[in-house]
Amino acid sequence: MSLGYLTWAMNRTDIPAEPRLVLIALADLADDTGHAWPSDDILALKVGMNADVLAIHLRWLYEAGTVKRRQDGGRPLYQLCDFVPG
């Protein structure tokens, strides 16, 4: 967990509640470079959403440029993007 990313995510009041919850969960799982590798199942469980609802909120974060996702050795790799140290 990166306290800087977690604080940043929690203070993103410009992001609606549900996508922000997903962002907070990713920040909680992120390292100090803003990378997180949770499976979709783990992320859905962490935020209490089914996979379809989680996908909607992740799409919002991708389109906002807040999160990027790519595959890393068969696992999803999430990158938190517009972090500004506080």
C-alpha atoms as a PDB file:
ATOM      1  CA  MET A   1       0.000   0.000   0.000  1.00  0.00           C
ATOM      2  CA  SER A   2       1.151   3.495  -0.809  1.00  0.00           C
ATOM      3  CA  LEU A   3      -0.136   6.027   1.699  1.00  0.00           C
ATOM      4  CA  GLY A   4       0.422   8.843  -0.813  1.00  0.00           C
ATOM      5  CA  TYR A   5      -1.712   7.180  -3.482  1.00  0.00           C
ATOM      6  CA  LEU A   6      -4.358   6.169  -0.963  1.00  0.00           C
ATOM      7  CA  THR A   7      -4.675   9.729   0.371  1.00  0.00           C
ATOM      8  CA  TRP A   8      -4.765  11.087  -3.187  1.00  0.00           C
ATOM      9  CA  ALA A   9      -7.563   8.657  -4.160  1.00  0.00           C
ATOM     10  CA  MET A  10      -9.628   9.409  -1.082  1.00  0.00           C
ATOM     11  CA  ASN A  11      -9.430  13.148  -1.755  1.00  0.00           C
ATOM     12  CA  ARG A  12     -10.542  12.906  -5.412  1.00  0.00           C
ATOM     13  CA  THR A  13     -13.936  14.523  -4.840  1.00  0.00           C
ATOM     14  CA  ASP A  14     -14.107  15.271  -8.573  1.00  0.00           C
ATOM     15  CA  ILE A  15     -14.730  11.543  -9.152  1.00  0.00           C
ATOM     16  CA  PRO A  16     -18.201  10.069  -8.490  1.00  0.00           C
ATOM     17  CA  ALA A  17     -18.537   7.805  -5.449  1.00  0.00           C
ATOM     18  CA  GLU A  18     -18.516   4.381  -7.123  1.00  0.00           C
ATOM     19  CA  PRO A  19     -15.513   4.948  -9.430  1.00  0.00           C
ATOM     20  CA  ARG A  20     -13.748   6.615  -6.485  1.00  0.00           C
ATOM     21  CA  LEU A  21     -14.324   3.492  -4.375  1.00  0.00           C
ATOM     22  CA  VAL A  22     -12.637   1.446  -7.114  1.00  0.00           C
ATOM     23  CA  LEU A  23      -9.794   3.978  -7.277  1.00  0.00           C
ATOM     24  CA  ILE A  24      -9.352   3.804  -3.485  1.00  0.00           C
ATOM     25  CA  ALA A  25      -9.218   0.007  -3.654  1.00  0.00           C
ATOM     26  CA  LEU A  26      -6.573   0.160  -6.396  1.00  0.00           C
ATOM     27  CA  ALA A  27      -4.585   2.731  -4.408  1.00  0.00           C
ATOM     28  CA  ASP A  28      -4.774   0.473  -1.366  1.00  0.00           C
ATOM     29  CA  LEU A  29      -3.232  -2.321  -3.456  1.00  0.00           C
ATOM     30  CA  ALA A  30      -0.704  -0.104  -5.256  1.00  0.00           C
ATOM     31  CA  ASP A  31       3.018   0.076  -4.688  1.00  0.00           C
ATOM     32  CA  ASP A  32       4.935   3.349  -4.382  1.00  0.00           C
ATOM     33  CA  THR A  33       5.004   3.725  -8.180  1.00  0.00           C
ATOM     34  CA  GLY A  34       1.213   3.523  -8.501  1.00  0.00           C
ATOM     35  CA  HIS A  35       1.143  -0.024  -9.913  1.00  0.00           C
ATOM     36  CA  ALA A  36      -1.340  -2.640  -8.690  1.00  0.00           C
ATOM     37  CA  TRP A  37      -1.854  -6.213  -9.898  1.00  0.00           C
ATOM     38  CA  PRO A  38      -5.177  -7.465  -8.454  1.00  0.00           C
ATOM     39  CA  SER A  39      -7.213  -9.984 -10.381  1.00  0.00           C
ATOM     40  CA  ASP A  40     -10.655  -8.823 -11.455  1.00  0.00           C
ATOM     41  CA  ASP A  41     -12.182 -11.220  -8.920  1.00  0.00           C
ATOM     42  CA  ILE A  42     -10.120  -9.829  -6.034  1.00  0.00           C
ATOM     43  CA  LEU A  43     -10.863  -6.231  -7.014  1.00  0.00           C
ATOM     44  CA  ALA A  44     -14.603  -6.953  -7.336  1.00  0.00           C
ATOM     45  CA  LEU A  45     -14.607  -8.641  -3.936  1.00  0.00           C
ATOM     46  CA  LYS A  46     -12.693  -5.751  -2.347  1.00  0.00           C
ATOM     47  CA  VAL A  47     -15.224  -3.156  -3.535  1.00  0.00           C
ATOM     48  CA  GLY A  48     -18.321  -5.339  -3.121  1.00  0.00           C
ATOM     49  CA  MET A  49     -19.375  -5.220  -6.780  1.00  0.00           C
ATOM     50  CA  ASN A  50     -20.023  -7.882  -9.343  1.00  0.00           C
ATOM     51  CA  ALA A  51     -17.720  -7.990 -12.371  1.00  0.00           C
ATOM     52  CA  ASP A  52     -20.150  -6.165 -14.683  1.00  0.00           C
ATOM     53  CA  VAL A  53     -20.621  -3.227 -12.323  1.00  0.00           C
ATOM     54  CA  LEU A  54     -16.890  -3.089 -11.610  1.00  0.00           C
ATOM     55  CA  ALA A  55     -16.212  -2.905 -15.367  1.00  0.00           C
ATOM     56  CA  ILE A  56     -18.516   0.120 -15.692  1.00  0.00           C
ATOM     57  CA  HIS A  57     -16.628   2.025 -12.994  1.00  0.00           C
ATOM     58  CA  LEU A  58     -13.211   0.989 -14.293  1.00  0.00           C
ATOM     59  CA  ARG A  59     -14.246   2.232 -17.742  1.00  0.00           C
ATOM     60  CA  TRP A  60     -15.114   5.596 -16.180  1.00  0.00           C
ATOM     61  CA  LEU A  61     -11.624   5.760 -14.627  1.00  0.00           C
ATOM     62  CA  TYR A  62      -9.947   4.762 -17.933  1.00  0.00           C
ATOM     63  CA  GLU A  63     -11.877   7.397 -19.890  1.00  0.00           C
ATOM     64  CA  ALA A  64     -11.017  10.053 -17.288  1.00  0.00           C
ATOM     65  CA  GLY A  65      -7.327   9.174 -17.662  1.00  0.00           C
ATOM     66  CA  THR A  66      -7.038   8.349 -13.961  1.00  0.00           C
ATOM     67  CA  VAL A  67      -6.219   4.658 -14.433  1.00  0.00           C
ATOM     68  CA  LYS A  68      -4.614   2.667 -17.237  1.00  0.00           C
ATOM     69  CA  ARG A  69      -4.668  -1.106 -17.559  1.00  0.00           C
ATOM     70  CA  ARG A  70      -2.541  -3.556 -19.476  1.00  0.00           C
ATOM     71  CA  GLN A  71      -1.644  -7.213 -19.196  1.00  0.00           C
ATOM     72  CA  ASP A  72       1.567  -8.142 -17.373  1.00  0.00           C
ATOM     73  CA  GLY A  73       2.413 -11.803 -17.772  1.00  0.00           C
ATOM     74  CA  GLY A  74      -1.246 -12.803 -17.930  1.00  0.00           C
ATOM     75  CA  ARG A  75      -2.249 -10.627 -14.976  1.00  0.00           C
ATOM     76  CA  PRO A  76      -3.903  -7.222 -15.165  1.00  0.00           C
ATOM     77  CA  LEU A  77      -1.573  -4.363 -14.303  1.00  0.00           C
ATOM     78  CA  TYR A  78      -3.254  -1.148 -13.243  1.00  0.00           C
ATOM     79  CA  GLN A  79      -1.388   2.168 -13.281  1.00  0.00           C
ATOM     80  CA  LEU A  80      -2.715   5.138 -11.324  1.00  0.00           C
ATOM     81  CA  CYS A  81      -2.013   8.041 -13.659  1.00  0.00           C
ATOM     82  CA  ASP A  82      -2.681  11.597 -12.600  1.00  0.00           C
ATOM     83  CA  PHE A  83      -1.245  11.439  -9.089  1.00  0.00           C
ATOM     84  CA  VAL A  84      -0.099  14.758  -7.669  1.00  0.00           C
ATOM     85  CA  PRO A  85       1.870  14.463  -4.424  1.00  0.00           C
ATOM     86  CA  GLY A  86       0.097  16.289  -1.689  1.00  0.00           C
END
